[in-house]
């Protein structure tokens, strides 16, 4: 599942809009400020760590959804 993410640009503090799966796939995302255009991406080693954390998060989320369905 891809999650839409918004972070502030480290240079101008304008929003940078990203999608988690595209970020993990190596895509870079540019600042929304046309005068700045700073790009954000993950290195290979970072993307592996983030992918592992994202997979753990998805597993926890799925377990929570399943438990909520059992209660209701």
Protein backbone atom coordinates (compact mmCIF):
# COMPACT_ATOMS: atom_id res chain seq x y z
CA UNK A 1 0.00 0.00 0.00
CA UNK A 2 1.42 3.36 -1.00
CA UNK A 3 1.08 6.19 1.49
CA UNK A 4 1.09 9.85 0.47
CA UNK A 5 3.62 11.84 2.47
CA UNK A 6 4.24 15.56 2.80
CA UNK A 7 7.42 16.95 4.35
CA UNK A 8 8.84 20.44 4.53
CA UNK A 9 11.71 21.26 2.21
CA UNK A 10 14.96 21.49 4.19
CA UNK A 11 15.94 24.61 2.23
CA UNK A 12 12.81 26.77 1.85
CA UNK A 13 10.23 24.94 4.04
CA UNK A 14 7.69 24.61 1.21
CA UNK A 15 5.92 21.25 0.97
CA UNK A 16 7.44 18.30 -0.83
CA UNK A 17 4.77 15.74 -1.77
CA UNK A 18 5.82 12.08 -2.02
CA UNK A 19 4.37 8.58 -2.27
CA UNK A 20 6.00 5.94 -0.10
CA UNK A 21 6.23 3.17 -2.69
CA UNK A 22 7.73 5.48 -5.31
CA UNK A 23 10.22 6.80 -2.75
CA UNK A 24 11.23 3.22 -1.90
CA UNK A 25 11.57 2.47 -5.62
CA UNK A 26 14.21 5.19 -5.90
CA UNK A 27 12.20 8.06 -7.33
CA UNK A 28 13.18 11.57 -6.27
CA UNK A 29 10.66 14.25 -5.40
CA UNK A 30 11.13 17.99 -5.97
CA UNK A 31 10.15 20.89 -3.77
CA UNK A 32 6.87 22.50 -4.81
CA UNK A 33 8.47 25.95 -4.74
CA UNK A 34 9.47 26.68 -8.37
CA UNK A 35 12.31 28.92 -7.19
CA UNK A 36 13.81 26.22 -4.95
CA UNK A 37 13.34 22.81 -6.61
CA UNK A 38 15.37 20.92 -3.99
CA UNK A 39 15.05 17.17 -4.62
CA UNK A 40 14.62 14.46 -1.97
CA UNK A 41 15.38 10.77 -2.50
CA UNK A 42 16.69 7.78 -0.58
CA UNK A 43 20.02 6.10 -1.09
CA UNK A 44 19.98 2.33 -1.63
CA UNK A 45 20.98 1.59 1.98
CA UNK A 46 18.37 4.04 3.32
CA UNK A 47 15.62 2.64 1.12
CA UNK A 48 16.30 -0.88 2.40
CA UNK A 49 15.96 0.30 6.01
CA UNK A 50 12.83 2.30 5.24
CA UNK A 51 11.32 -0.65 3.33
CA UNK A 52 11.87 -2.92 6.36
CA UNK A 53 10.26 -0.36 8.68
CA UNK A 54 7.36 0.17 6.26
CA UNK A 55 6.78 -3.60 6.04
CA UNK A 56 6.73 -3.86 9.84
CA UNK A 57 4.25 -0.97 9.96
CA UNK A 58 2.01 -2.66 7.37
CA UNK A 59 2.07 -5.91 9.36
CA UNK A 60 1.09 -4.07 12.56
CA UNK A 61 -1.65 -2.16 10.71
CA UNK A 62 -3.07 -5.37 9.22
CA UNK A 63 -3.10 -7.03 12.64
CA UNK A 64 -4.92 -4.04 14.15
CA UNK A 65 -7.53 -4.08 11.36
CA UNK A 66 -8.08 -7.82 11.81
CA UNK A 67 -8.44 -7.46 15.59
CA UNK A 68 -10.92 -4.60 15.16
CA UNK A 69 -13.02 -6.76 12.83
CA UNK A 70 -13.09 -9.57 15.39
CA UNK A 71 -14.33 -7.21 18.12
CA UNK A 72 -17.18 -5.75 16.07
